[in-house]
Amino acid sequence: MASNSNLRITIERNPSQSRLAELNIKCWPKWGCSPGKYQLKFDAEETCYLLKGKVKAYTKGSSDFVEFGAGDLVTIPKGLSCTWDVSIAVDKYYKFESSSSSSSSPSC
């Protein structure tokens, strides 16, 4: 069975306002959670921008983790299972990649 070692969370620290505008982030849905540990499985690629919070994400079956928080733009690959260890409550915008790559989204 193939391992998930090639699945990596990527983090863009403090993206510019023009980058956020280009992504149309303010149109994305919002999600939040309180501190705690969460087992998550991503069935689609997710891009999220954290407004608040601090997270250590541990890849399933590994002691590797990445840390991200407020002001970070994070991309989580499809098929990744991980545990989020949330030390500061999270508030984020998020978007799942749809199977068909749509052109620019309508303004909200």
PDB file of N, CA and C in Angstrom:
ATOM      1  N   MET A   1       0.851  -1.191   0.000  1.00  0.00           N
ATOM      2  CA  MET A   1       0.000   0.000   0.000  1.00  0.00           C
ATOM      3  C   MET A   1       0.891   1.246   0.000  1.00  0.00           C
ATOM      4  N   ALA A   2       0.544   2.215  -0.800  1.00  0.00           N
ATOM      5  CA  ALA A   2       1.357   3.436  -0.895  1.00  0.00           C
ATOM      6  C   ALA A   2       1.241   4.241   0.387  1.00  0.00           C
ATOM      7  N   SER A   3       2.343   4.816   0.781  1.00  0.00           N
ATOM      8  CA  SER A   3       2.302   5.644   1.990  1.00  0.00           C
ATOM      9  C   SER A   3       1.910   7.062   1.608  1.00  0.00           C
ATOM     10  N   ASN A   4       1.526   7.839   2.616  1.00  0.00           N
ATOM     11  CA  ASN A   4       1.131   9.219   2.371  1.00  0.00           C
ATOM     12  C   ASN A   4       2.309  10.175   2.494  1.00  0.00           C
ATOM     13  N   SER A   5       3.532   9.652   2.474  1.00  0.00           N
ATOM     14  CA  SER A   5       4.685  10.498   2.747  1.00  0.00           C
ATOM     15  C   SER A   5       4.854  11.613   1.712  1.00  0.00           C
ATOM     16  N   ASN A   6       4.245  11.422   0.532  1.00  0.00           N
ATOM     17  CA  ASN A   6       4.384  12.469  -0.478  1.00  0.00           C
ATOM     18  C   ASN A   6       3.348  13.585  -0.295  1.00  0.00           C
ATOM     19  N   LEU A   7       2.421  13.392   0.645  1.00  0.00           N
ATOM     20  CA  LEU A   7       1.415  14.419   0.888  1.00  0.00           C
ATOM     21  C   LEU A   7       1.955  15.391   1.922  1.00  0.00           C
ATOM     22  N   ARG A   8       2.050  16.643   1.536  1.00  0.00           N
ATOM     23  CA  ARG A   8       2.630  17.641   2.426  1.00  0.00           C
ATOM     24  C   ARG A   8       1.737  18.866   2.514  1.00  0.00           C
ATOM     25  N   ILE A   9       1.599  19.362   3.712  1.00  0.00           N
ATOM     26  CA  ILE A   9       0.896  20.627   3.925  1.00  0.00           C
ATOM     27  C   ILE A   9       1.870  21.750   3.553  1.00  0.00           C
ATOM     28  N   THR A  10       1.420  22.678   2.733  1.00  0.00           N
ATOM     29  CA  THR A  10       2.281  23.811   2.389  1.00  0.00           C
ATOM     30  C   THR A  10       1.733  25.079   3.038  1.00  0.00           C
ATOM     31  N   ILE A  11       2.645  25.932   3.461  1.00  0.00           N
ATOM     32  CA  ILE A  11       2.270  27.134   4.204  1.00  0.00           C
ATOM     33  C   ILE A  11       2.906  28.350   3.548  1.00  0.00           C
ATOM     34  N   GLU A  12       2.066  29.329   3.261  1.00  0.00           N
ATOM     35  CA  GLU A  12       2.543  30.617   2.746  1.00  0.00           C
ATOM     36  C   GLU A  12       2.358  31.615   3.882  1.00  0.00           C
ATOM     37  N   ARG A  13       3.459  32.089   4.438  1.00  0.00           N
ATOM     38  CA  ARG A  13       3.389  32.993   5.595  1.00  0.00           C
ATOM     39  C   ARG A  13       3.067  34.415   5.157  1.00  0.00           C
ATOM     40  N   ASN A  14       2.098  35.003   5.842  1.00  0.00           N
ATOM     41  CA  ASN A  14       1.736  36.411   5.615  1.00  0.00           C
ATOM     42  C   ASN A  14       1.635  36.800   4.136  1.00  0.00           C
ATOM     43  N   PRO A  15       0.720  36.153   3.410  1.00  0.00           N
ATOM     44  CA  PRO A  15       0.542  36.534   2.004  1.00  0.00           C
ATOM     45  C   PRO A  15       0.087  37.993   1.898  1.00  0.00           C
ATOM     46  N   SER A  16       0.404  38.627   0.779  1.00  0.00           N
ATOM     47  CA  SER A  16       0.051  40.037   0.592  1.00  0.00           C
ATOM     48  C   SER A  16      -1.460  40.197   0.420  1.00  0.00           C
ATOM     49  N   GLN A  17      -1.934  41.416   0.668  1.00  0.00           N
ATOM     50  CA  GLN A  17      -3.362  41.698   0.481  1.00  0.00           C
ATOM     51  C   GLN A  17      -3.765  41.470  -0.975  1.00  0.00           C
ATOM     52  N   SER A  18      -2.865  41.775  -1.921  1.00  0.00           N
ATOM     53  CA  SER A  18      -3.222  41.574  -3.328  1.00  0.00           C
ATOM     54  C   SER A  18      -3.373  40.077  -3.632  1.00  0.00           C
ATOM     55  N   ARG A  19      -2.544  39.256  -3.000  1.00  0.00           N
ATOM     56  CA  ARG A  19      -2.655  37.791  -3.171  1.00  0.00           C
ATOM     57  C   ARG A  19      -3.993  37.305  -2.608  1.00  0.00           C
ATOM     58  N   LEU A  20      -4.378  37.815  -1.445  1.00  0.00           N
ATOM     59  CA  LEU A  20      -5.645  37.405  -0.830  1.00  0.00           C
ATOM     60  C   LEU A  20      -6.826  37.862  -1.687  1.00  0.00           C
ATOM     61  N   ALA A  21      -6.720  39.058  -2.250  1.00  0.00           N
ATOM     62  CA  ALA A  21      -7.794  39.578  -3.106  1.00  0.00           C
ATOM     63  C   ALA A  21      -7.919  38.735  -4.375  1.00  0.00           C
ATOM     64  N   GLU A  22      -6.776  38.333  -4.917  1.00  0.00           N
ATOM     65  CA  GLU A  22      -6.740  37.507  -6.121  1.00  0.00           C
ATOM     66  C   GLU A  22      -7.441  36.168  -5.866  1.00  0.00           C
ATOM     67  N   LEU A  23      -7.267  35.636  -4.661  1.00  0.00           N
ATOM     68  CA  LEU A  23      -7.913  34.365  -4.293  1.00  0.00           C
ATOM     69  C   LEU A  23      -9.383  34.552  -3.933  1.00  0.00           C
ATOM     70  N   ASN A  24      -9.798  35.810  -3.771  1.00  0.00           N
ATOM     71  CA  ASN A  24     -11.197  36.106  -3.430  1.00  0.00           C
ATOM     72  C   ASN A  24     -11.571  35.533  -2.066  1.00  0.00           C
ATOM     73  N   ILE A  25     -10.634  35.617  -1.134  1.00  0.00           N
ATOM     74  CA  ILE A  25     -10.792  34.956   0.165  1.00  0.00           C
ATOM     75  C   ILE A  25     -12.040  35.384   0.931  1.00  0.00           C
ATOM     76  N   LYS A  26     -12.420  36.648   0.813  1.00  0.00           N
ATOM     77  CA  LYS A  26     -13.566  37.119   1.599  1.00  0.00           C
ATOM     78  C   LYS A  26     -14.880  36.487   1.139  1.00  0.00           C
ATOM     79  N   CYS A  27     -14.850  35.812  -0.008  1.00  0.00           N
ATOM     80  CA  CYS A  27     -16.046  35.099  -0.487  1.00  0.00           C
ATOM     81  C   CYS A  27     -16.111  33.667   0.046  1.00  0.00           C
ATOM     82  N   TRP A  28     -15.017  33.186   0.622  1.00  0.00           N
ATOM     83  CA  TRP A  28     -14.980  31.797   1.080  1.00  0.00           C
ATOM     84  C   TRP A  28     -15.793  31.637   2.356  1.00  0.00           C
ATOM     85  N   PRO A  29     -16.309  30.437   2.605  1.00  0.00           N
ATOM     86  CA  PRO A  29     -16.987  30.190   3.886  1.00  0.00           C
ATOM     87  C   PRO A  29     -15.990  30.277   5.036  1.00  0.00           C
ATOM     88  N   LYS A  30     -16.536  30.476   6.243  1.00  0.00           N
ATOM     89  CA  LYS A  30     -15.675  30.539   7.423  1.00  0.00           C
ATOM     90  C   LYS A  30     -15.924  29.329   8.306  1.00  0.00           C
ATOM     91  N   TRP A  31     -14.907  28.957   9.064  1.00  0.00           N
ATOM     92  CA  TRP A  31     -15.008  27.825   9.995  1.00  0.00           C
ATOM     93  C   TRP A  31     -14.144  28.132  11.192  1.00  0.00           C
ATOM     94  N   GLY A  32     -14.555  27.673  12.341  1.00  0.00           N
ATOM     95  CA  GLY A  32     -13.750  27.870  13.540  1.00  0.00           C
ATOM     96  C   GLY A  32     -13.830  26.660  14.448  1.00  0.00           C
ATOM     97  N   CYS A  33     -12.866  26.555  15.341  1.00  0.00           N
ATOM     98  CA  CYS A  33     -12.904  25.496  16.350  1.00  0.00           C
ATOM     99  C   CYS A  33     -12.189  25.978  17.604  1.00  0.00           C
ATOM    100  N   SER A  34     -12.559  25.398  18.720  1.00  0.00           N
ATOM    101  CA  SER A  34     -11.915  25.745  19.979  1.00  0.00           C
ATOM    102  C   SER A  34     -10.672  24.877  20.174  1.00  0.00           C
ATOM    103  N   PRO A  35      -9.820  25.219  21.138  1.00  0.00           N
ATOM    104  CA  PRO A  35      -8.618  24.408  21.372  1.00  0.00           C
ATOM    105  C   PRO A  35      -8.967  22.943  21.639  1.00  0.00           C
ATOM    106  N   GLY A  36      -8.112  22.058  21.181  1.00  0.00           N
ATOM    107  CA  GLY A  36      -8.332  20.623  21.360  1.00  0.00           C
ATOM    108  C   GLY A  36      -7.615  19.865  20.261  1.00  0.00           C
ATOM    109  N   LYS A  37      -7.858  18.547  20.233  1.00  0.00           N
ATOM    110  CA  LYS A  37      -7.239  17.698  19.202  1.00  0.00           C
ATOM    111  C   LYS A  37      -8.330  17.173  18.282  1.00  0.00           C
ATOM    112  N   TYR A  38      -8.082  17.274  16.989  1.00  0.00           N
ATOM    113  CA  TYR A  38      -9.071  16.882  15.986  1.00  0.00           C
ATOM    114  C   TYR A  38      -8.426  15.954  14.968  1.00  0.00           C
ATOM    115  N   GLN A  39      -9.067  14.794  14.729  1.00  0.00           N
ATOM    116  CA  GLN A  39      -8.611  13.868  13.686  1.00  0.00           C
ATOM    117  C   GLN A  39      -9.299  14.297  12.394  1.00  0.00           C
ATOM    118  N   LEU A  40      -8.523  14.619  11.378  1.00  0.00           N
ATOM    119  CA  LEU A  40      -9.107  15.118  10.134  1.00  0.00           C
ATOM    120  C   LEU A  40      -8.611  14.308   8.949  1.00  0.00           C
ATOM    121  N   LYS A  41      -9.526  14.081   8.004  1.00  0.00           N
ATOM    122  CA  LYS A  41      -9.186  13.397   6.753  1.00  0.00           C
ATOM    123  C   LYS A  41      -9.671  14.303   5.639  1.00  0.00           C
ATOM    124  N   PHE A  42      -8.782  14.633   4.723  1.00  0.00           N
ATOM    125  CA  PHE A  42      -9.123  15.565   3.655  1.00  0.00           C
ATOM    126  C   PHE A  42      -9.413  14.796   2.375  1.00  0.00           C
ATOM    127  N   ASP A  43     -10.690  14.820   1.965  1.00  0.00           N
ATOM    128  CA  ASP A  43     -11.110  14.103   0.762  1.00  0.00           C
ATOM    129  C   ASP A  43     -10.979  14.974  -0.483  1.00  0.00           C
ATOM    130  N   ALA A  44     -10.637  16.234  -0.265  1.00  0.00           N
ATOM    131  CA  ALA A  44     -10.380  17.157  -1.378  1.00  0.00           C
ATOM    132  C   ALA A  44      -9.290  18.102  -0.904  1.00  0.00           C
ATOM    133  N   GLU A  45      -8.564  18.686  -1.844  1.00  0.00           N
ATOM    134  CA  GLU A  45      -7.544  19.647  -1.444  1.00  0.00           C
ATOM    135  C   GLU A  45      -8.230  20.860  -0.820  1.00  0.00           C
ATOM    136  N   GLU A  46      -7.714  21.298   0.310  1.00  0.00           N
ATOM    137  CA  GLU A  46      -8.261  22.480   0.972  1.00  0.00           C
ATOM    138  C   GLU A  46      -7.203  23.574   1.031  1.00  0.00           C
ATOM    139  N   THR A  47      -7.640  24.791   0.724  1.00  0.00           N
ATOM    140  CA  THR A  47      -6.815  25.967   0.950  1.00  0.00           C
ATOM    141  C   THR A  47      -7.522  26.775   2.030  1.00  0.00           C
ATOM    142  N   CYS A  48      -6.777  27.198   3.041  1.00  0.00           N
ATOM    143  CA  CYS A  48      -7.416  27.996   4.085  1.00  0.00           C
ATOM    144  C   CYS A  48      -6.502  29.131   4.524  1.00  0.00           C
ATOM    145  N   TYR A  49      -7.133  30.180   5.010  1.00  0.00           N
ATOM    146  CA  TYR A  49      -6.410  31.354   5.492  1.00  0.00           C
ATOM    147  C   TYR A  49      -6.850  31.588   6.935  1.00  0.00           C
ATOM    148  N   LEU A  50      -5.902  31.518   7.856  1.00  0.00           N
ATOM    149  CA  LEU A  50      -6.238  31.638   9.276  1.00  0.00           C
ATOM    150  C   LEU A  50      -6.275  33.095   9.704  1.00  0.00           C
ATOM    151  N   LEU A  51      -7.430  33.489  10.238  1.00  0.00           N
ATOM    152  CA  LEU A  51      -7.591  34.829  10.799  1.00  0.00           C
ATOM    153  C   LEU A  51      -7.087  34.843  12.237  1.00  0.00           C
ATOM    154  N   LYS A  52      -7.329  33.724  12.924  1.00  0.00           N
ATOM    155  CA  LYS A  52      -6.911  33.568  14.320  1.00  0.00           C
ATOM    156  C   LYS A  52      -6.483  32.130  14.518  1.00  0.00           C
ATOM    157  N   GLY A  53      -5.716  31.908  15.580  1.00  0.00           N
ATOM    158  CA  GLY A  53      -5.443  30.538  15.982  1.00  0.00           C
ATOM    159  C   GLY A  53      -4.001  30.118  15.837  1.00  0.00           C
ATOM    160  N   LYS A  54      -3.737  28.927  16.391  1.00  0.00           N
ATOM    161  CA  LYS A  54      -2.417  28.304  16.293  1.00  0.00           C
ATOM    162  C   LYS A  54      -2.632  26.796  16.281  1.00  0.00           C
ATOM    163  N   VAL A  55      -2.014  26.137  15.296  1.00  0.00           N
ATOM    164  CA  VAL A  55      -2.243  24.707  15.074  1.00  0.00           C
ATOM    165  C   VAL A  55      -0.908  24.005  14.845  1.00  0.00           C
ATOM    166  N   LYS A  56      -0.776  22.809  15.440  1.00  0.00           N
ATOM    167  CA  LYS A  56       0.258  21.870  15.032  1.00  0.00           C
ATOM    168  C   LYS A  56      -0.489  20.735  14.356  1.00  0.00           C
ATOM    169  N   ALA A  57      -0.139  20.464  13.096  1.00  0.00           N
ATOM    170  CA  ALA A  57      -0.794  19.390  12.352  1.00  0.00           C
ATOM    171  C   ALA A  57       0.178  18.227  12.218  1.00  0.00           C
ATOM    172  N   TYR A  58      -0.198  17.098  12.820  1.00  0.00           N
ATOM    173  CA  TYR A  58       0.627  15.881  12.788  1.00  0.00           C
ATOM    174  C   TYR A  58       0.098  14.954  11.703  1.00  0.00           C
ATOM    175  N   THR A  59       0.948  14.558  10.773  1.00  0.00           N
ATOM    176  CA  THR A  59       0.548  13.614   9.739  1.00  0.00           C
ATOM    177  C   THR A  59       0.319  12.252  10.371  1.00  0.00           C
ATOM    178  N   LYS A  60      -0.764  11.589   9.974  1.00  0.00           N
ATOM    179  CA  LYS A  60      -1.098  10.276  10.541  1.00  0.00           C
ATOM    180  C   LYS A  60       0.049   9.289  10.325  1.00  0.00           C
ATOM    181  N   GLY A  61       0.373   8.549  11.363  1.00  0.00           N
ATOM    182  CA  GLY A  61       1.405   7.525  11.259  1.00  0.00           C
ATOM    183  C   GLY A  61       2.817   8.092  11.256  1.00  0.00           C
ATOM    184  N   SER A  62       2.962   9.341  11.680  1.00  0.00           N
ATOM    185  CA  SER A  62       4.274   9.973  11.659  1.00  0.00           C
ATOM    186  C   SER A  62       4.379  10.925  12.844  1.00  0.00           C
ATOM    187  N   SER A  63       5.597  11.203  13.267  1.00  0.00           N
ATOM    188  CA  SER A  63       5.769  12.184  14.342  1.00  0.00           C
ATOM    189  C   SER A  63       6.037  13.571  13.750  1.00  0.00           C
ATOM    190  N   ASP A  64       6.061  13.651  12.406  1.00  0.00           N
ATOM    191  CA  ASP A  64       6.282  14.943  11.752  1.00  0.00           C
ATOM    192  C   ASP A  64       5.074  15.841  11.968  1.00  0.00           C
ATOM    193  N   PHE A  65       5.333  17.113  12.164  1.00  0.00           N
ATOM    194  CA  PHE A  65       4.222  18.051  12.210  1.00  0.00           C
ATOM    195  C   PHE A  65       4.647  19.364  11.579  1.00  0.00           C
ATOM    196  N   VAL A  66       3.640  20.129  11.164  1.00  0.00           N
ATOM    197  CA  VAL A  66       3.875  21.496  10.719  1.00  0.00           C
ATOM    198  C   VAL A  66       3.055  22.396  11.625  1.00  0.00           C
ATOM    199  N   GLU A  67       3.550  23.588  11.808  1.00  0.00           N
ATOM    200  CA  GLU A  67       2.877  24.542  12.685  1.00  0.00           C
ATOM    201  C   GLU A  67       2.444  25.732  11.845  1.00  0.00           C
ATOM    202  N   PHE A  68       1.215  26.185  12.058  1.00  0.00           N
ATOM    203  CA  PHE A  68       0.748  27.376  11.349  1.00  0.00           C
ATOM    204  C   PHE A  68      -0.254  28.104  12.225  1.00  0.00           C
ATOM    205  N   GLY A  69      -0.525  29.346  11.855  1.00  0.00           N
ATOM    206  CA  GLY A  69      -1.414  30.154  12.688  1.00  0.00           C
ATOM    207  C   GLY A  69      -1.917  31.382  11.958  1.00  0.00           C
ATOM    208  N   ALA A  70      -2.386  32.347  12.745  1.00  0.00           N
ATOM    209  CA  ALA A  70      -2.999  33.553  12.197  1.00  0.00           C
ATOM    210  C   ALA A  70      -2.101  34.180  11.146  1.00  0.00           C
ATOM    211  N   GLY A  71      -2.699  34.529  10.003  1.00  0.00           N
ATOM    212  CA  GLY A  71      -1.967  35.184   8.928  1.00  0.00           C
ATOM    213  C   GLY A  71      -1.353  34.233   7.924  1.00  0.00           C
ATOM    214  N   ASP A  72      -1.513  32.910   8.145  1.00  0.00           N
ATOM    215  CA  ASP A  72      -0.925  31.932   7.229  1.00  0.00           C
ATOM    216  C   ASP A  72      -1.966  31.427   6.228  1.00  0.00           C
ATOM    217  N   LEU A  73      -1.516  31.259   4.989  1.00  0.00           N
ATOM    218  CA  LEU A  73      -2.316  30.653   3.930  1.00  0.00           C
ATOM    219  C   LEU A  73      -1.810  29.220   3.781  1.00  0.00           C
ATOM    220  N   VAL A  74      -2.691  28.252   4.035  1.00  0.00           N
ATOM    221  CA  VAL A  74      -2.285  26.852   4.165  1.00  0.00           C
ATOM    222  C   VAL A  74      -2.992  26.016   3.095  1.00  0.00           C
ATOM    223  N   THR A  75      -2.228  25.148   2.422  1.00  0.00           N
ATOM    224  CA  THR A  75      -2.815  24.219   1.452  1.00  0.00           C
ATOM    225  C   THR A  75      -2.604  22.798   1.959  1.00  0.00           C
ATOM    226  N   ILE A  76      -3.711  22.068   2.073  1.00  0.00           N
ATOM    227  CA  ILE A  76      -3.685  20.698   2.588  1.00  0.00           C
ATOM    228  C   ILE A  76      -4.058  19.771   1.435  1.00  0.00           C
ATOM    229  N   PRO A  77      -3.194  18.814   1.098  1.00  0.00           N
ATOM    230  CA  PRO A  77      -3.454  17.983  -0.083  1.00  0.00           C
ATOM    231  C   PRO A  77      -4.584  16.982   0.120  1.00  0.00           C
ATOM    232  N   LYS A  78      -5.233  16.657  -0.981  1.00  0.00           N
ATOM    233  CA  LYS A  78      -6.283  15.635  -0.989  1.00  0.00           C
ATOM    234  C   LYS A  78      -5.700  14.317  -0.518  1.00  0.00           C
ATOM    235  N   GLY A  79      -6.441  13.617   0.346  1.00  0.00           N
ATOM    236  CA  GLY A  79      -6.026  12.292   0.790  1.00  0.00           C
ATOM    237  C   GLY A  79      -5.220  12.290   2.074  1.00  0.00           C
ATOM    238  N   LEU A  80      -4.916  13.478   2.605  1.00  0.00           N
ATOM    239  CA  LEU A  80      -4.111  13.536   3.826  1.00  0.00           C
ATOM    240  C   LEU A  80      -4.971  13.282   5.064  1.00  0.00           C
ATOM    241  N   SER A  81      -4.479  12.433   5.947  1.00  0.00           N
ATOM    242  CA  SER A  81      -5.079  12.255   7.271  1.00  0.00           C
ATOM    243  C   SER A  81      -4.123  12.865   8.273  1.00  0.00           C
ATOM    244  N   CYS A  82      -4.642  13.683   9.166  1.00  0.00           N
ATOM    245  CA  CYS A  82      -3.765  14.291  10.158  1.00  0.00           C
ATOM    246  C   CYS A  82      -4.546  14.627  11.413  1.00  0.00           C
ATOM    247  N   THR A  83      -3.799  14.921  12.464  1.00  0.00           N
ATOM    248  CA  THR A  83      -4.392  15.374  13.716  1.00  0.00           C
ATOM    249  C   THR A  83      -4.023  16.836  13.884  1.00  0.00           C
ATOM    250  N   TRP A  84      -5.028  17.662  14.117  1.00  0.00           N
ATOM    251  CA  TRP A  84      -4.790  19.068  14.421  1.00  0.00           C
ATOM    252  C   TRP A  84      -4.777  19.220  15.928  1.00  0.00           C
ATOM    253  N   ASP A  85      -3.663  19.688  16.454  1.00  0.00           N
ATOM    254  CA  ASP A  85      -3.545  20.009  17.872  1.00  0.00           C
ATOM    255  C   ASP A  85      -3.658  21.532  17.956  1.00  0.00           C
ATOM    256  N   VAL A  86      -4.852  21.995  18.311  1.00  0.00           N
ATOM    257  CA  VAL A  86      -5.163  23.431  18.296  1.00  0.00           C
ATOM    258  C   VAL A  86      -4.901  24.005  19.687  1.00  0.00           C
ATOM    259  N   SER A  87      -3.917  24.912  19.791  1.00  0.00           N
ATOM    260  CA  SER A  87      -3.601  25.521  21.095  1.00  0.00           C
ATOM    261  C   SER A  87      -4.321  26.844  21.290  1.00  0.00           C
ATOM    262  N   ILE A  88      -4.604  27.545  20.192  1.00  0.00           N
ATOM    263  CA  ILE A  88      -5.375  28.793  20.243  1.00  0.00           C
ATOM    264  C   ILE A  88      -6.527  28.640  19.265  1.00  0.00           C
ATOM    265  N   ALA A  89      -7.750  28.947  19.718  1.00  0.00           N
ATOM    266  CA  ALA A  89      -8.953  28.752  18.894  1.00  0.00           C
ATOM    267  C   ALA A  89      -8.761  29.294  17.482  1.00  0.00           C
ATOM    268  N   VAL A  90      -9.241  28.531  16.509  1.00  0.00           N
ATOM    269  CA  VAL A  90      -9.055  28.844  15.093  1.00  0.00           C
ATOM    270  C   VAL A  90     -10.299  29.514  14.523  1.00  0.00           C
ATOM    271  N   ASP A  91     -10.060  30.513  13.693  1.00  0.00           N
ATOM    272  CA  ASP A  91     -11.091  31.138  12.878  1.00  0.00           C
ATOM    273  C   ASP A  91     -10.462  31.274  11.496  1.00  0.00           C
ATOM    274  N   LYS A  92     -11.082  30.669  10.490  1.00  0.00           N
ATOM    275  CA  LYS A  92     -10.430  30.657   9.181  1.00  0.00           C
ATOM    276  C   LYS A  92     -11.437  30.749   8.051  1.00  0.00           C
ATOM    277  N   TYR A  93     -10.936  31.230   6.916  1.00  0.00           N
ATOM    278  CA  TYR A  93     -11.640  31.105   5.647  1.00  0.00           C
ATOM    279  C   TYR A  93     -11.111  29.835   4.994  1.00  0.00           C
ATOM    280  N   TYR A  94     -11.967  29.113   4.270  1.00  0.00           N
ATOM    281  CA  TYR A  94     -11.483  27.891   3.626  1.00  0.00           C
ATOM    282  C   TYR A  94     -12.187  27.667   2.295  1.00  0.00           C
ATOM    283  N   LYS A  95     -11.527  26.877   1.463  1.00  0.00           N
ATOM    284  CA  LYS A  95     -12.084  26.537   0.157  1.00  0.00           C
ATOM    285  C   LYS A  95     -11.599  25.153  -0.232  1.00  0.00           C
ATOM    286  N   PHE A  96     -12.521  24.314  -0.686  1.00  0.00           N
ATOM    287  CA  PHE A  96     -12.139  23.004  -1.223  1.00  0.00           C
ATOM    288  C   PHE A  96     -12.054  23.120  -2.731  1.00  0.00           C
ATOM    289  N   GLU A  97     -11.038  22.468  -3.310  1.00  0.00           N
ATOM    290  CA  GLU A  97     -10.944  22.421  -4.768  1.00  0.00           C
ATOM    291  C   GLU A  97     -12.066  21.545  -5.283  1.00  0.00           C
ATOM    292  N   SER A  98     -12.830  22.059  -6.219  1.00  0.00           N
ATOM    293  CA  SER A  98     -13.860  21.223  -6.826  1.00  0.00           C
ATOM    294  C   SER A  98     -13.185  20.346  -7.881  1.00  0.00           C
ATOM    295  N   SER A  99     -13.810  19.235  -8.201  1.00  0.00           N
ATOM    296  CA  SER A  99     -13.196  18.308  -9.138  1.00  0.00           C
ATOM    297  C   SER A  99     -12.976  18.962 -10.499  1.00  0.00           C
ATOM    298  N   SER A 100     -13.918  19.802 -10.920  1.00  0.00           N
ATOM    299  CA  SER A 100     -13.706  20.551 -12.175  1.00  0.00           C
ATOM    300  C   SER A 100     -13.089  21.889 -11.785  1.00  0.00           C
ATOM    301  N   SER A 101     -12.002  22.244 -12.414  1.00  0.00           N
ATOM    302  CA  SER A 101     -11.376  23.513 -12.051  1.00  0.00           C
ATOM    303  C   SER A 101     -12.182  24.628 -12.689  1.00  0.00           C
ATOM    304  N   SER A 102     -12.876  25.382 -11.860  1.00  0.00           N
ATOM    305  CA  SER A 102     -13.703  26.455 -12.373  1.00  0.00           C
ATOM    306  C   SER A 102     -12.832  27.685 -12.610  1.00  0.00           C
ATOM    307  N   SER A 103     -13.251  28.524 -13.515  1.00  0.00           N
ATOM    308  CA  SER A 103     -12.534  29.771 -13.736  1.00  0.00           C
ATOM    309  C   SER A 103     -12.828  30.690 -12.558  1.00  0.00           C
ATOM    310  N   SER A 104     -12.512  31.939 -12.683  1.00  0.00           N
ATOM    311  CA  SER A 104     -12.644  32.853 -11.531  1.00  0.00           C
ATOM    312  C   SER A 104     -14.048  32.802 -10.952  1.00  0.00           C
ATOM    313  N   SER A 105     -14.120  32.796  -9.631  1.00  0.00           N
ATOM    314  CA  SER A 105     -15.418  32.696  -8.973  1.00  0.00           C
ATOM    315  C   SER A 105     -16.142  34.042  -9.061  1.00  0.00           C
ATOM    316  N   PRO A 106     -17.452  34.015  -9.050  1.00  0.00           N
ATOM    317  CA  PRO A 106     -18.190  35.286  -9.113  1.00  0.00           C
ATOM    318  C   PRO A 106     -17.913  36.109  -7.861  1.00  0.00           C
ATOM    319  N   SER A 107     -18.023  37.395  -7.991  1.00  0.00           N
ATOM    320  CA  SER A 107     -17.786  38.227  -6.803  1.00  0.00           C
ATOM    321  C   SER A 107     -18.936  38.025  -5.820  1.00  0.00           C
ATOM    322  N   CYS A 108     -18.626  38.191  -4.551  1.00  0.00           N
ATOM    323  CA  CYS A 108     -19.679  37.922  -3.557  1.00  0.00           C
ATOM    324  C   CYS A 108     -20.249  39.223  -3.027  1.00  0.00           C
TER     325      CYS A 108
END
